[in-house]
Protein backbone atom coordinates (compact mmCIF):
# COMPACT_ATOMS: atom_id res chain seq x y z
CA MET A 1 -0.05 -0.66 0.16
CA THR A 2 1.25 3.75 -0.61
CA THR A 3 0.08 6.53 0.55
CA THR A 4 0.61 9.94 -1.60
CA SER A 5 1.14 13.45 -0.07
CA ALA A 6 -1.83 16.36 0.33
CA THR A 7 0.29 18.73 -0.90
CA ALA A 8 2.12 18.12 -4.55
CA GLN A 9 5.65 19.43 -4.37
CA PRO A 10 6.56 21.60 -7.04
CA ARG A 11 8.34 20.65 -10.28
CA GLN A 12 12.42 21.02 -10.52
CA GLN A 13 13.24 23.57 -13.03
CA GLY A 14 16.91 22.67 -14.05
CA ARG A 15 19.90 24.26 -11.72
CA PRO A 16 20.32 27.42 -12.64
CA VAL A 17 22.97 27.75 -9.30
CA LEU A 18 24.93 25.25 -10.42
CA GLY A 19 24.83 26.59 -14.66
CA ALA A 20 26.01 29.72 -13.05
CA ILE A 21 29.24 28.72 -10.96
CA SER A 22 30.01 26.48 -13.90
CA GLY A 23 29.84 29.18 -16.64
CA LEU A 24 31.86 31.57 -14.33
CA LEU A 25 34.59 29.34 -13.87
CA PHE A 26 34.46 28.44 -17.47
CA GLY A 27 34.14 32.50 -18.64
CA PHE A 28 37.57 32.65 -15.41
CA PHE A 29 39.54 30.36 -17.16
CA LEU A 30 39.02 31.20 -20.94
CA ALA A 31 39.64 35.27 -20.63
CA LEU A 32 43.10 33.43 -18.44
CA ASP A 33 43.80 31.00 -21.58
CA LEU A 34 43.70 34.44 -23.80
CA MET A 35 45.94 35.94 -21.72
CA MET A 36 48.14 33.68 -21.28
CA LEU A 37 48.55 32.69 -24.93
CA GLY A 38 48.72 36.52 -25.78
CA THR A 39 45.77 37.06 -27.70
CA ILE A 40 44.19 39.66 -25.41
CA SER A 41 45.86 42.04 -22.85
CA LEU A 42 45.26 42.34 -19.27
CA SER A 43 43.70 46.01 -19.78
CA SER A 44 41.35 44.38 -22.14
CA LEU A 45 37.67 44.50 -21.13
CA LEU A 46 37.31 41.06 -22.55
CA VAL A 47 38.91 39.91 -19.20
CA VAL A 48 36.39 41.41 -17.19
CA ALA A 49 33.66 41.09 -19.63
CA LEU A 50 33.81 36.91 -20.49
CA PRO A 51 33.48 35.96 -16.37
CA ILE A 52 30.10 37.91 -16.56
CA LEU A 53 29.39 36.33 -20.07
CA GLY A 54 29.83 32.76 -18.23
CA LEU A 55 28.42 33.53 -15.18
CA VAL A 56 25.30 34.43 -16.69
CA GLY A 57 24.99 32.13 -19.61
CA GLY A 58 25.42 29.53 -18.02
CA ALA A 59 22.39 30.14 -15.19
CA ALA A 60 20.16 30.29 -18.78
CA LEU A 61 21.59 27.48 -19.60
CA GLY A 62 21.21 25.94 -16.55
CA ARG A 63 17.39 26.74 -16.13
CA TRP A 64 16.89 25.57 -19.38
CA SER A 65 19.05 22.51 -19.42
CA PRO A 66 16.16 18.97 -19.29
CA ILE A 67 18.50 17.32 -16.81
CA GLY A 68 16.58 16.61 -13.30
CA ARG A 69 13.39 16.77 -15.87
């Protein structure tokens, strides 16, 4: 015999925090690699923009991803 709960559990919609952390790390290491290879200089705006874009993109992909559904 199984019992059911009277309250319904909300459906989980992806993992946006995990995606944001992963995207931030990806953007940080991408900027670091491009600096080390001499593609961009340290004073370039991309050094700051790539981690921020990774954070936003990772959070969006984590929210939209079908993993865990």
